[in-house]
Protein backbone atom coordinates (compact mmCIF):
# COMPACT_ATOMS: atom_id res chain seq x y z
CA MET A 1 -112.09 150.65 116.08
CA HIS A 2 -109.74 152.70 118.25
CA LYS A 3 -112.64 153.84 120.44
CA LEU A 4 -113.70 150.26 121.06
CA PHE A 5 -110.25 149.32 122.34
CA THR A 6 -110.78 151.74 125.24
CA TYR A 7 -113.07 149.07 126.67
CA LEU A 8 -109.99 146.84 127.08
CA ARG A 9 -108.48 149.07 129.78
CA PRO A 10 -109.89 147.01 132.69
CA TYR A 11 -108.19 143.94 131.20
CA LEU A 12 -104.65 145.31 130.64
CA THR A 13 -103.14 143.06 133.33
CA GLN A 14 -104.73 139.99 131.78
CA VAL A 15 -103.56 141.13 128.32
CA LEU A 16 -99.96 141.32 129.57
CA LEU A 17 -100.23 137.84 131.12
CA LEU A 18 -101.70 136.57 127.86
CA MET A 19 -98.76 137.99 125.90
CA VAL A 20 -96.29 136.30 128.26
CA PHE A 21 -97.99 132.91 127.83
CA VAL A 22 -98.17 133.31 124.03
CA ILE A 23 -94.46 134.11 123.80
CA MET A 24 -93.61 131.15 126.01
CA GLN A 25 -95.81 128.92 123.84
CA VAL A 26 -94.06 130.08 120.65
CA LEU A 27 -90.59 129.61 122.13
CA ALA A 28 -91.52 126.11 123.29
CA ASN A 29 -92.89 125.14 119.86
CA LEU A 30 -89.83 126.51 118.02
CA SER A 31 -87.34 124.75 120.28
CA LEU A 32 -88.72 121.26 119.49
CA PRO A 33 -87.16 120.96 115.97
CA ASP A 34 -83.74 121.82 117.47
CA TYR A 35 -84.04 118.97 119.94
CA MET A 36 -85.20 116.67 117.14
CA ALA A 37 -82.14 117.62 115.05
CA HIS A 38 -79.83 116.74 117.97
CA ILE A 39 -81.59 113.39 118.46
CA VAL A 40 -81.26 112.49 114.75
CA ASN A 41 -77.71 113.82 114.20
CA GLN A 42 -76.12 112.72 117.48
CA GLY A 43 -78.43 110.05 118.84
CA ILE A 44 -79.65 108.05 115.86
CA VAL A 45 -76.83 108.66 113.36
CA GLY A 46 -74.18 108.65 116.12
CA GLN A 47 -75.94 105.70 117.84
CA ASP A 48 -75.81 107.39 121.25
CA SER A 49 -78.85 106.30 123.32
CA ALA A 50 -77.97 108.69 126.14
CA VAL A 51 -78.40 111.64 123.75
CA ILE A 52 -81.73 110.27 122.58
CA TYR A 53 -82.92 109.87 126.18
CA HIS A 54 -81.66 113.31 127.26
CA TYR A 55 -83.10 115.30 124.37
CA GLY A 56 -86.23 113.14 124.34
CA MET A 57 -86.94 114.06 127.97
CA MET A 58 -86.23 117.72 127.15
CA MET A 59 -88.71 117.58 124.26
CA LEU A 60 -91.33 115.99 126.51
CA LEU A 61 -90.94 118.67 129.22
CA VAL A 62 -90.94 121.51 126.69
CA ALA A 63 -94.04 120.06 124.96
CA LEU A 64 -95.84 119.82 128.33
CA GLY A 65 -94.83 123.39 129.21
CA GLY A 66 -95.95 124.63 125.80
CA GLY A 67 -99.29 122.86 126.20
CA LEU A 68 -99.88 124.50 129.60
CA CYS A 69 -99.00 127.88 128.11
CA THR A 70 -101.46 127.24 125.26
CA ILE A 71 -104.25 126.44 127.74
CA ALA A 72 -103.47 129.53 129.82
CA ALA A 73 -103.36 131.76 126.72
CA SER A 74 -106.71 130.38 125.50
CA TYR A 75 -108.25 130.95 128.94
CA PHE A 76 -107.15 134.59 129.15
CA ALA A 77 -108.09 135.27 125.51
CA SER A 78 -111.63 133.93 126.09
CA ARG A 79 -111.96 135.75 129.41
CA ILE A 80 -110.84 139.08 127.94
CA GLY A 81 -112.95 138.66 124.78
CA THR A 82 -116.18 137.79 126.59
CA GLY A 83 -115.65 140.49 129.23
CA PHE A 84 -114.96 143.05 126.52
CA SER A 85 -118.11 142.10 124.58
CA ARG A 86 -120.19 142.24 127.78
CA ASP A 87 -118.94 145.76 128.55
CA LEU A 88 -119.48 146.81 124.94
CA ARG A 89 -123.07 145.52 124.92
CA ASN A 90 -123.72 147.37 128.19
CA ALA A 91 -122.29 150.57 126.70
CA LEU A 92 -124.41 150.16 123.56
CA PHE A 93 -127.58 149.49 125.53
CA THR A 94 -126.94 152.48 127.81
CA LYS A 95 -126.33 154.69 124.78
CA ILE A 96 -129.48 153.47 123.05
CA GLU A 97 -131.49 154.17 126.21
CA SER A 98 -130.30 157.80 126.04
CA PHE A 99 -131.54 158.19 122.47
CA SER A 100 -134.38 160.53 121.74
CA LEU A 101 -136.96 159.65 119.13
CA VAL A 102 -134.81 161.55 116.61
CA GLU A 103 -131.95 159.08 117.02
CA PHE A 104 -134.35 156.12 116.92
CA ASN A 105 -135.62 157.39 113.59
CA LYS A 106 -132.03 157.55 112.33
CA PHE A 107 -131.19 153.96 113.35
CA SER A 108 -133.90 151.40 112.70
CA THR A 109 -134.86 149.04 115.54
CA ALA A 110 -133.73 146.01 113.52
CA SER A 111 -130.33 147.63 112.91
CA LEU A 112 -129.85 148.50 116.59
CA ILE A 113 -130.62 144.90 117.56
CA THR A 114 -128.12 143.60 114.99
CA ARG A 115 -125.44 146.01 116.18
CA ASN A 116 -125.93 144.98 119.81
CA THR A 117 -125.85 141.25 119.06
CA ASN A 118 -124.38 140.09 115.76
CA ASP A 119 -121.88 142.95 115.37
CA VAL A 120 -120.61 142.66 118.94
CA GLN A 121 -120.26 138.89 118.46
CA GLN A 122 -118.20 139.47 115.29
CA VAL A 123 -115.85 141.83 117.14
CA GLN A 124 -115.58 139.41 120.08
CA THR A 125 -114.66 136.47 117.82
CA VAL A 126 -111.97 138.43 116.01
CA LEU A 127 -110.66 139.91 119.26
CA ILE A 128 -110.14 136.44 120.74
CA MET A 129 -108.40 135.35 117.53
CA LEU A 130 -106.23 138.47 117.63
CA PHE A 131 -105.12 137.76 121.17
CA ARG A 132 -104.39 134.16 120.32
CA MET A 133 -102.90 134.60 116.85
CA ALA A 134 -101.94 138.23 116.17
CA LEU A 135 -98.87 137.97 118.42
CA MET A 136 -98.23 134.27 117.99
CA ALA A 137 -98.42 134.08 114.16
CA PRO A 138 -95.95 136.86 113.21
CA PHE A 139 -93.62 135.91 116.06
CA THR A 140 -93.70 132.26 115.00
CA GLY A 141 -93.28 133.07 111.29
CA ILE A 142 -90.32 135.42 111.76
CA LEU A 143 -88.50 133.22 114.27
CA ALA A 144 -89.13 130.08 112.18
CA ILE A 145 -87.62 131.73 109.09
CA ILE A 146 -84.61 132.94 111.10
CA LYS A 147 -84.04 129.52 112.65
CA ALA A 148 -84.48 127.79 109.28
CA TYR A 149 -81.91 130.13 107.73
CA HIS A 150 -79.40 129.42 110.49
CA ILE A 151 -79.88 125.65 110.32
CA ALA A 152 -79.74 125.39 106.46
CA PRO A 153 -78.84 128.70 104.72
CA SER A 154 -78.49 127.06 101.33
CA MET A 155 -82.21 126.13 101.22
CA SER A 156 -83.60 129.51 102.37
CA TRP A 157 -84.70 130.33 98.80
CA ILE A 158 -87.39 127.64 99.10
CA MET A 159 -88.86 129.42 102.14
CA LEU A 160 -88.73 132.77 100.32
CA VAL A 161 -90.65 131.42 97.32
CA ALA A 162 -93.27 129.87 99.61
CA VAL A 163 -93.75 133.13 101.55
CA VAL A 164 -94.15 135.18 98.33
CA ALA A 165 -96.71 132.68 96.97
CA ILE A 166 -98.67 132.85 100.23
CA MET A 167 -98.68 136.67 100.22
CA VAL A 168 -100.01 136.71 96.63
CA ILE A 169 -102.85 134.35 97.59
CA ILE A 170 -103.72 136.36 100.70
CA GLY A 171 -103.65 139.67 98.79
CA THR A 172 -105.93 138.36 96.04
CA ILE A 173 -108.53 136.93 98.41
CA PHE A 174 -108.32 139.98 100.64
CA GLY A 175 -109.01 142.34 97.72
CA ILE A 176 -112.09 140.38 96.60
CA ALA A 177 -113.62 139.69 100.03
CA VAL A 178 -113.32 143.02 101.86
CA PRO A 179 -115.89 145.04 99.84
CA ARG A 180 -118.48 142.32 100.37
CA PHE A 181 -118.32 142.25 104.17
CA ALA A 182 -120.04 145.63 104.55
CA ARG A 183 -122.84 144.53 102.24
CA LEU A 184 -123.14 141.26 104.16
CA GLN A 185 -123.93 143.12 107.41
CA LYS A 186 -126.49 145.30 105.63
CA LEU A 187 -128.20 142.17 104.34
CA VAL A 188 -128.31 140.80 107.90
CA ASP A 189 -130.00 144.08 108.93
CA ARG A 190 -132.46 143.71 106.08
CA LEU A 191 -133.33 140.13 107.02
CA ASN A 192 -133.87 141.17 110.66
CA LEU A 193 -136.11 144.01 109.55
CA VAL A 194 -138.24 141.77 107.32
CA THR A 195 -138.49 139.08 110.01
CA ARG A 196 -139.48 141.57 112.70
CA GLU A 197 -142.09 143.19 110.47
CA LEU A 198 -143.51 139.80 109.55
CA LEU A 199 -143.79 138.60 113.14
CA THR A 200 -145.25 141.81 114.57
CA GLY A 201 -147.74 142.14 111.72
CA LEU A 202 -148.74 138.48 111.59
CA ARG A 203 -152.40 139.12 112.40
CA VAL A 204 -152.81 141.71 109.65
CA ILE A 205 -150.96 139.50 107.17
CA ARG A 206 -153.31 136.60 107.89
CA ALA A 207 -156.39 138.82 107.87
CA PHE A 208 -155.61 140.00 104.34
CA GLY A 209 -154.34 136.63 103.17
CA ARG A 210 -150.92 137.98 102.23
CA GLU A 211 -148.82 135.14 103.61
CA GLY A 212 -147.55 134.34 100.13
CA ARG A 213 -146.36 137.89 99.50
CA GLU A 214 -144.56 138.04 102.86
CA GLU A 215 -142.97 134.66 102.21
CA GLU A 216 -141.65 136.00 98.90
CA LYS A 217 -140.27 139.11 100.63
CA PHE A 218 -138.57 137.00 103.32
CA SER A 219 -137.33 134.51 100.72
CA LYS A 220 -135.82 137.32 98.65
CA ALA A 221 -133.95 138.81 101.63
CA ASN A 222 -132.90 135.35 102.76
CA GLN A 223 -131.73 134.39 99.28
CA GLU A 224 -129.65 137.56 98.90
CA LEU A 225 -127.96 136.90 102.23
CA LYS A 226 -127.45 133.25 101.34
CA GLY A 227 -125.95 134.10 97.94
CA LEU A 228 -123.44 136.58 99.32
CA SER A 229 -122.60 134.34 102.29
CA LEU A 230 -121.98 131.43 99.94
CA PHE A 231 -119.70 133.56 97.78
CA VAL A 232 -117.67 134.73 100.79
CA ASN A 233 -117.52 131.24 102.29
CA ARG A 234 -116.45 129.71 98.96
CA LEU A 235 -113.78 132.35 98.71
CA MET A 236 -112.61 131.48 102.20
CA SER A 237 -112.67 127.79 101.35
CA VAL A 238 -110.13 128.43 98.57
CA LEU A 239 -107.66 129.78 101.10
CA GLN A 240 -106.81 126.63 103.05
CA PRO A 241 -106.37 124.29 100.04
CA SER A 242 -104.18 126.95 98.37
CA MET A 243 -102.04 127.23 101.47
CA MET A 244 -101.81 123.43 101.76
CA LEU A 245 -100.79 123.24 98.10
CA VAL A 246 -98.02 125.76 98.72
CA MET A 247 -96.93 123.82 101.80
CA SER A 248 -96.89 120.52 99.88
CA PHE A 249 -94.74 121.99 97.09
CA THR A 250 -92.49 123.48 99.77
CA MET A 251 -92.05 120.08 101.41
CA VAL A 252 -91.25 118.50 98.05
CA GLY A 253 -88.74 121.25 97.37
CA ILE A 254 -87.11 120.81 100.78
CA VAL A 255 -86.83 117.02 100.39
CA TRP A 256 -85.49 117.35 96.81
CA ALA A 257 -82.93 120.02 97.65
CA GLY A 258 -82.12 118.51 101.05
CA ALA A 259 -81.49 115.07 99.57
CA HIS A 260 -78.87 116.53 97.24
CA LYS A 261 -77.21 118.41 100.11
CA ILE A 262 -77.18 115.29 102.30
CA ASP A 263 -75.75 113.29 99.40
CA GLU A 264 -73.02 115.91 99.02
CA GLY A 265 -72.32 115.66 102.74
CA VAL A 266 -72.87 119.39 103.42
CA LEU A 267 -76.15 119.02 105.34
CA PRO A 268 -76.89 116.64 108.25
CA ILE A 269 -80.17 114.77 107.87
CA GLY A 270 -81.39 116.07 111.24
CA ASN A 271 -80.92 119.65 110.03
CA MET A 272 -83.02 118.92 106.96
CA LEU A 273 -85.82 117.49 109.11
CA ALA A 274 -85.63 120.51 111.44
CA PHE A 275 -85.70 122.85 108.41
CA MET A 276 -88.83 121.07 107.23
CA GLN A 277 -90.49 121.55 110.62
CA TYR A 278 -89.61 125.24 110.64
CA ALA A 279 -90.99 125.60 107.12
CA ILE A 280 -94.26 123.98 108.20
CA GLN A 281 -94.50 126.27 111.24
CA ALA A 282 -93.74 129.35 109.12
CA ILE A 283 -96.38 128.45 106.54
CA PHE A 284 -98.99 127.75 109.21
CA ALA A 285 -98.10 131.09 110.80
CA PHE A 286 -98.82 132.83 107.52
CA LEU A 287 -102.02 130.81 107.20
CA LEU A 288 -103.11 132.17 110.60
CA ILE A 289 -102.13 135.67 109.53
CA SER A 290 -104.24 135.27 106.38
CA VAL A 291 -107.23 134.17 108.44
CA ILE A 292 -106.79 137.25 110.64
CA PHE A 293 -106.53 139.52 107.60
CA ILE A 294 -109.70 138.04 106.17
CA MET A 295 -111.69 138.32 109.41
CA ILE A 296 -110.49 141.79 110.41
CA PRO A 297 -112.31 143.57 107.53
CA ARG A 298 -115.62 142.02 108.54
CA ALA A 299 -114.97 142.83 112.19
CA SER A 300 -113.96 146.37 111.22
CA VAL A 301 -117.31 146.79 109.47
CA SER A 302 -119.06 145.61 112.64
CA ALA A 303 -116.83 147.84 114.79
CA LYS A 304 -117.66 150.82 112.58
CA ARG A 305 -121.39 150.14 112.93
CA ILE A 306 -121.02 149.86 116.71
CA ALA A 307 -118.97 153.06 116.83
CA GLU A 308 -121.69 154.86 114.84
CA VAL A 309 -124.09 154.20 117.70
CA LEU A 310 -121.58 155.00 120.46
CA ASN A 311 -120.47 158.21 118.71
CA ALA A 312 -123.97 159.35 117.81
CA GLU A 313 -124.59 162.77 119.28
CA THR A 314 -127.80 162.78 121.28
CA ILE A 315 -129.88 165.85 120.58
CA ILE A 316 -131.66 165.80 123.93
CA ASN A 317 -129.24 166.07 126.85
CA ASP A 318 -129.36 167.18 130.46
CA PRO A 319 -128.12 170.73 131.10
CA ALA A 320 -124.74 171.28 132.79
CA GLN A 321 -126.46 173.29 135.53
CA PRO A 322 -130.03 172.02 135.81
CA GLU A 323 -132.76 174.09 137.37
CA THR A 324 -135.32 172.72 139.76
CA THR A 325 -137.97 173.94 142.11
CA GLY A 326 -139.53 172.64 145.25
CA GLU A 327 -142.92 173.53 143.82
CA HIS A 328 -144.54 170.62 141.97
CA SER A 329 -147.83 172.19 140.91
CA GLY A 330 -147.74 170.71 137.42
CA LYS A 331 -148.43 173.88 135.46
CA VAL A 332 -147.52 173.50 131.78
CA GLU A 333 -147.07 176.49 129.46
CA PHE A 334 -146.39 176.61 125.72
CA LYS A 335 -145.02 179.95 124.50
CA ASP A 336 -144.93 180.43 120.72
CA VAL A 337 -143.75 176.82 120.21
CA SER A 338 -142.87 175.51 116.75
CA PHE A 339 -141.47 172.13 115.81
CA SER A 340 -140.14 170.51 112.63
CA TYR A 341 -138.92 166.98 112.05
CA ALA A 342 -135.42 166.64 110.64
CA GLY A 343 -135.49 167.02 106.86
CA ALA A 344 -139.16 168.08 106.78
CA GLU A 345 -140.15 170.87 104.40
CA GLU A 346 -142.96 172.16 106.60
CA PRO A 347 -143.11 172.51 110.42
CA VAL A 348 -145.46 170.15 112.20
CA LEU A 349 -146.38 172.76 114.80
CA GLN A 350 -146.36 176.54 114.43
CA GLY A 351 -146.80 179.28 117.03
CA ILE A 352 -148.44 177.10 119.70
CA SER A 353 -149.23 179.06 122.88
CA PHE A 354 -151.45 177.93 125.76
CA ALA A 355 -151.34 177.07 129.46
CA ALA A 356 -152.51 173.82 131.08
CA LEU A 357 -153.29 174.53 134.73
CA PRO A 358 -153.44 172.22 137.78
CA GLY A 359 -156.96 171.13 138.60
CA GLN A 360 -158.04 171.47 134.98
CA THR A 361 -158.29 169.15 132.02
CA THR A 362 -156.85 170.46 128.78
CA ALA A 363 -157.95 168.52 125.74
CA ILE A 364 -156.42 168.55 122.26
CA VAL A 365 -158.47 167.56 119.25
CA GLY A 366 -157.92 167.79 115.53
CA SER A 367 -157.82 165.88 112.30
CA THR A 368 -155.30 163.12 111.59
CA GLY A 369 -151.84 164.60 111.05
CA SER A 370 -152.62 167.90 112.71
CA GLY A 371 -149.76 167.46 115.23
CA LYS A 372 -151.65 166.41 118.37
CA SER A 373 -149.36 163.56 119.44
CA THR A 374 -146.27 165.55 118.48
CA LEU A 375 -147.38 168.37 120.76
CA LEU A 376 -147.82 165.95 123.64
CA ASN A 377 -144.40 164.34 122.99
CA LEU A 378 -142.70 167.72 123.41
CA ILE A 379 -143.66 167.97 127.09
CA PRO A 380 -141.55 165.04 128.39
CA ARG A 381 -138.82 166.00 125.84
CA PHE A 382 -139.16 163.03 123.55
CA TYR A 383 -138.40 165.78 121.04
CA ASP A 384 -137.07 169.29 121.63
CA VAL A 385 -138.86 172.33 120.28
CA THR A 386 -137.49 174.01 117.17
CA ALA A 387 -138.57 177.43 118.40
CA GLY A 388 -140.31 178.84 121.45
CA VAL A 389 -140.29 177.47 124.96
CA ILE A 390 -142.19 174.94 127.08
CA LEU A 391 -142.36 175.64 130.81
CA VAL A 392 -143.19 173.16 133.56
CA ASP A 393 -143.69 174.82 136.96
CA GLY A 394 -142.13 177.95 135.45
CA ILE A 395 -138.90 176.24 134.27
CA ASP A 396 -137.90 175.65 130.67
CA VAL A 397 -137.99 171.88 130.21
CA ARG A 398 -134.57 172.09 128.49
CA ASN A 399 -133.12 173.44 131.75
CA MET A 400 -134.39 170.48 133.78
CA THR A 401 -132.85 167.03 133.98
CA GLN A 402 -134.82 164.48 132.02
CA GLU A 403 -135.24 162.39 135.18
CA ASP A 404 -136.69 165.35 137.10
CA LEU A 405 -139.00 166.32 134.25
CA ARG A 406 -140.29 162.80 133.61
CA SER A 407 -140.73 162.09 137.31
CA ARG A 408 -143.47 164.74 137.23
CA THR A 409 -145.34 163.20 134.30
CA GLY A 410 -147.48 160.13 133.88
CA TYR A 411 -147.53 159.30 130.18
CA VAL A 412 -149.92 156.93 128.41
CA SER A 413 -148.90 156.48 124.79
CA GLN A 414 -151.16 156.16 121.79
CA LYS A 415 -150.14 152.52 121.44
CA ALA A 416 -150.32 150.95 124.90
CA MET A 417 -146.99 149.25 125.53
CA LEU A 418 -146.76 146.49 128.12
CA PHE A 419 -143.72 144.46 129.13
CA SER A 420 -143.35 140.74 129.66
CA GLY A 421 -143.95 140.00 133.32
CA THR A 422 -147.10 140.12 135.41
CA VAL A 423 -150.06 142.43 135.79
CA ASN A 424 -148.53 143.64 139.05
CA SER A 425 -145.09 144.38 137.54
CA ASN A 426 -146.64 146.34 134.67
CA ILE A 427 -148.82 148.55 136.88
CA SER A 428 -145.96 149.20 139.31
CA TYR A 429 -143.48 149.83 136.48
CA GLY A 430 -143.35 153.59 137.10
CA SER A 431 -143.48 153.31 140.87
CA THR A 432 -141.68 150.24 142.20
CA ALA A 433 -142.40 151.35 145.78
CA ALA A 434 -146.17 151.22 145.23
CA SER A 435 -147.96 149.00 147.74
CA ALA A 436 -150.39 146.26 146.81
CA GLY A 437 -153.27 148.48 147.89
CA GLU A 438 -152.07 151.36 145.71
CA ILE A 439 -151.73 149.06 142.71
CA GLN A 440 -155.23 147.69 143.21
CA HIS A 441 -156.61 151.21 143.63
CA ALA A 442 -154.95 152.34 140.38
CA ALA A 443 -156.43 149.31 138.59
CA THR A 444 -159.87 150.09 140.00
CA VAL A 445 -159.76 153.71 138.83
CA ALA A 446 -158.55 152.55 135.39
CA GLN A 447 -161.52 150.14 135.18
CA ALA A 448 -159.08 147.23 134.95
CA SER A 449 -159.89 145.44 138.22
CA SER A 450 -162.90 143.61 136.75
CA PHE A 451 -160.91 141.75 134.09
CA ILE A 452 -157.88 141.32 136.40
CA ASP A 453 -160.05 139.59 139.01
CA SER A 454 -161.32 137.21 136.34
CA LEU A 455 -157.77 136.05 135.57
CA GLU A 456 -156.61 132.80 137.18
CA GLN A 457 -153.72 134.38 139.10
CA GLN A 458 -155.22 137.87 139.19
CA TYR A 459 -152.42 140.43 139.77
CA GLU A 460 -149.74 137.75 139.37
CA SER A 461 -151.13 136.64 136.02
CA PRO A 462 -148.49 136.61 133.29
CA ILE A 463 -148.38 139.30 130.61
CA ALA A 464 -146.72 138.34 127.33
CA GLN A 465 -144.32 140.59 125.47
CA ALA A 466 -146.12 143.77 124.32
CA GLY A 467 -149.27 142.43 126.03
CA ALA A 468 -149.94 139.97 123.23
CA ASN A 469 -152.14 137.75 125.45
CA ILE A 470 -154.73 140.43 126.31
CA SER A 471 -157.03 142.67 124.27
CA GLY A 472 -156.36 146.22 123.12
CA GLY A 473 -158.80 147.70 125.61
CA GLN A 474 -157.27 145.72 128.47
CA LYS A 475 -153.81 146.91 127.46
CA GLN A 476 -154.98 150.53 127.49
CA ARG A 477 -156.52 150.16 130.95
CA LEU A 478 -153.34 148.63 132.36
CA ALA A 479 -151.29 151.43 130.78
CA ILE A 480 -153.59 154.02 132.38
CA ALA A 481 -153.31 152.19 135.74
CA ARG A 482 -149.51 152.32 135.40
CA ALA A 483 -149.64 156.11 135.03
CA LEU A 484 -152.06 156.45 137.95
CA ALA A 485 -149.89 154.32 140.27
CA LYS A 486 -147.02 156.76 139.70
CA LYS A 487 -149.10 159.64 141.13
CA PRO A 488 -147.50 162.34 138.95
CA ASP A 489 -148.25 166.06 138.81
CA ILE A 490 -149.02 165.97 135.09
CA TYR A 491 -151.06 163.32 133.27
CA LEU A 492 -150.54 162.97 129.53
CA PHE A 493 -153.08 160.80 127.71
CA ASP A 494 -152.31 160.34 124.01
CA ASP A 495 -155.55 159.01 122.54
CA SER A 496 -155.40 156.31 125.20
CA PHE A 497 -159.17 155.73 125.41
CA SER A 498 -159.68 154.76 121.77
CA ALA A 499 -159.97 150.99 122.38
CA LEU A 500 -162.54 151.35 125.19
CA ASP A 501 -166.25 150.91 124.71
CA PHE A 502 -168.45 153.92 125.49
CA LYS A 503 -169.62 152.55 128.84
CA THR A 504 -166.09 151.85 130.09
CA ASP A 505 -164.91 155.18 128.67
CA ALA A 506 -167.57 157.08 130.59
CA ALA A 507 -166.89 155.19 133.85
CA LEU A 508 -163.15 155.76 133.48
CA ARG A 509 -163.55 159.49 132.86
CA LYS A 510 -165.75 159.81 135.92
CA ALA A 511 -163.24 157.94 138.09
CA LEU A 512 -160.32 159.92 136.65
CA GLN A 513 -162.04 163.23 137.46
CA ALA A 514 -161.89 162.42 141.17
CA GLU A 515 -158.46 160.75 141.06
CA THR A 516 -156.73 163.58 139.19
CA ALA A 517 -158.26 166.44 141.17
CA GLY A 518 -155.64 169.15 141.62
CA LYS A 519 -153.44 167.65 138.90
CA THR A 520 -152.75 168.86 135.38
CA VAL A 521 -154.41 166.61 132.81
CA ILE A 522 -153.73 166.90 129.07
CA ILE A 523 -155.71 164.59 126.80
CA VAL A 524 -155.33 163.97 123.09
CA ALA A 525 -158.46 162.31 121.76
CA GLN A 526 -160.45 161.58 118.63
CA ARG A 527 -163.77 161.14 120.40
CA ILE A 528 -165.50 164.39 121.28
CA SER A 529 -167.38 162.54 124.04
CA THR A 530 -164.07 161.83 125.77
CA ILE A 531 -163.03 165.47 126.02
CA MET A 532 -166.29 167.46 125.95
CA ASN A 533 -166.18 168.04 129.72
CA ALA A 534 -162.67 169.49 129.62
CA GLU A 535 -162.25 173.02 130.99
CA LYS A 536 -160.18 173.90 127.93
CA ILE A 537 -160.21 172.33 124.48
CA LEU A 538 -157.58 173.17 121.86
CA VAL A 539 -158.41 172.59 118.21
CA LEU A 540 -155.40 171.87 115.98
CA ASP A 541 -155.41 172.13 112.24
CA CYS A 542 -152.26 171.91 110.09
CA GLY A 543 -150.08 172.39 113.17
CA LYS A 544 -151.79 175.58 114.38
CA ILE A 545 -154.31 176.26 117.13
CA VAL A 546 -157.46 177.32 115.29
CA GLY A 547 -159.79 177.18 118.25
CA GLU A 548 -159.70 177.31 122.04
CA GLY A 549 -162.52 177.15 124.56
CA THR A 550 -165.12 174.84 126.03
CA HIS A 551 -167.17 172.35 124.09
CA ALA A 552 -170.16 174.68 123.67
CA GLU A 553 -168.01 177.69 122.83
CA LEU A 554 -166.14 175.82 120.12
CA LEU A 555 -169.35 174.50 118.59
CA ARG A 556 -170.34 178.14 118.07
CA ARG A 557 -166.98 179.64 117.06
CA SER A 558 -164.83 176.92 115.46
CA PRO A 559 -165.84 175.48 112.07
CA VAL A 560 -163.12 172.80 112.37
CA TYR A 561 -164.39 171.65 115.78
CA ARG A 562 -167.99 171.69 114.61
CA GLU A 563 -167.06 169.59 111.59
CA ILE A 564 -165.40 166.99 113.84
CA ALA A 565 -168.36 167.02 116.23
CA SER A 566 -170.84 166.70 113.36
CA SER A 567 -169.16 163.48 112.29
CA GLN A 568 -169.82 161.99 115.75
CA PHE A 569 -173.10 163.53 116.94
CA SER A 570 -176.48 164.04 115.37
CA GLU A 571 -177.73 167.58 114.60
CA GLN A 572 -180.24 167.23 117.44
CA GLU A 573 -177.51 166.48 119.96
CA LEU A 574 -175.39 169.38 118.69
CA SER A 575 -178.37 171.69 118.93
CA GLN A 576 -178.89 170.64 122.55
CA PHE A 577 -175.37 171.78 123.41
CA LEU A 578 -175.85 175.06 121.58
CA ASP A 579 -179.18 175.68 123.30
CA GLU A 580 -177.73 174.93 126.77
CA PRO A 581 -174.16 176.28 126.80
CA GLY A 582 -174.03 176.43 130.57
CA GLN A 583 -174.50 172.70 130.77
CA ALA A 584 -171.73 171.81 128.36
CA SER A 585 -169.09 171.44 131.02
CA SER A 586 -171.13 169.29 133.40
CA SER A 587 -172.95 166.82 131.18
CA SER A 588 -171.86 164.04 128.90
CA ILE A 589 -173.59 162.35 126.08
CA ASN A 590 -172.66 158.98 127.49
CA GLN A 591 -173.59 159.57 131.13
């Protein structure tokens, strides 16, 4: 919580002004019963109309001044609270952007969304209440008790009993409610997670007819949240009636005791009325304090969750003294690289060594779970190696800034990710300075121009979130065009041709060969036909390189590669490659 208050520094001047207005508001409110006592004792009982007029005008002016102070205090409280939450959301978003995939695995997406929205809103609400009430309520309560004591000392015991009763009620509710606030936020996370999973997987759910099961899962999460929320809200609903009951008994006690004192002639009636007003103000002050005490635990839970994100140590950081080179050849070298996920018993990659050279295509193939995508993710530092070193243009990637490193790479992920916008904005995403001609050229090379031209608005056609309004193959082609428009030194394709038909795949590979001439190309693929023309093919099995060479060489020497190829080609086709090894690098089964 302390760390979050550092975001209030830009608003210190406004906080001081707010405090001034709150104090003036309290003083104005507490002076009104004094004026009322003078009017009753001297004006009404003494039948002096001049006194009534004088103190009546004073009450009117003080009430107007207090109202203006209240408005000003509310304005500054809202301005500070909303500005603080804006800055906090910006800080959270910036921090989340700096996360590596390790940190994303630690915090779920649903939880990060909740922390950046619901949790920040909770803190903002309580902060505004604190500014409005945290100073006003104690100040009002203490001054009201002091003034009540001075105006009628003999009845102070009534106020003491009321305050003790209020503190008992607050303490009881506080003790029951606090442990449940943390669980409440976790249930909100759970509901967000279930909702997000349901919406993103809606097609699969419908395809397998599992709507009923998902409805039950959502209903269970919703019911748990509802049950706990109802309990907390019912507990909160007990607070106000309890406080009102205490206040009612206090008023009865004041009138009963005050009537006897007035009858004895030791207490003016105006003083009794003023004492009653001070008692009401004191009780309401404690009511406000109780509300603050109840809301602070929930806000503290939210603040703790926000602080967990802000304080999270990012594993992948820029070096203090980054290295760079004017040479941008795009050479990539792996030297005895190993990698393990956090908490994993076995490393995903072990002893990986190879070089991907400019002007060549290096392909990576292997069975599912062999570590192909992980290997590719190590190059742009989505993860850092556990052992060994990765060099780009002769520099350890850990000694380069992430911006410098990633400016040299064009990455196409296994799951093509598009953003809401237009076709044009998605292709130019990695190179905002790209001209219309360059964007169209990238789309042509990626074999996307044919379907783009068929769209009503062509390059200005809208793309829904995650590309939901186009097919998987179209998404992959746009993602490839986005990488091409960037014109990087290193192209990283993570099984990004899987949704293409064989004809489009062949045309794309032919166009890419000319477009990426002189560049380093690393392809992860499942289809042998996609990578059979590569100058170097790496075969991964259980995180180790078990084969390296051309297509024909691996068919002869690598049992793992031959097994994969046998599942995709007939024996006759495999025999053709074995009979004509010199042709393996210049022919394709689909061309």
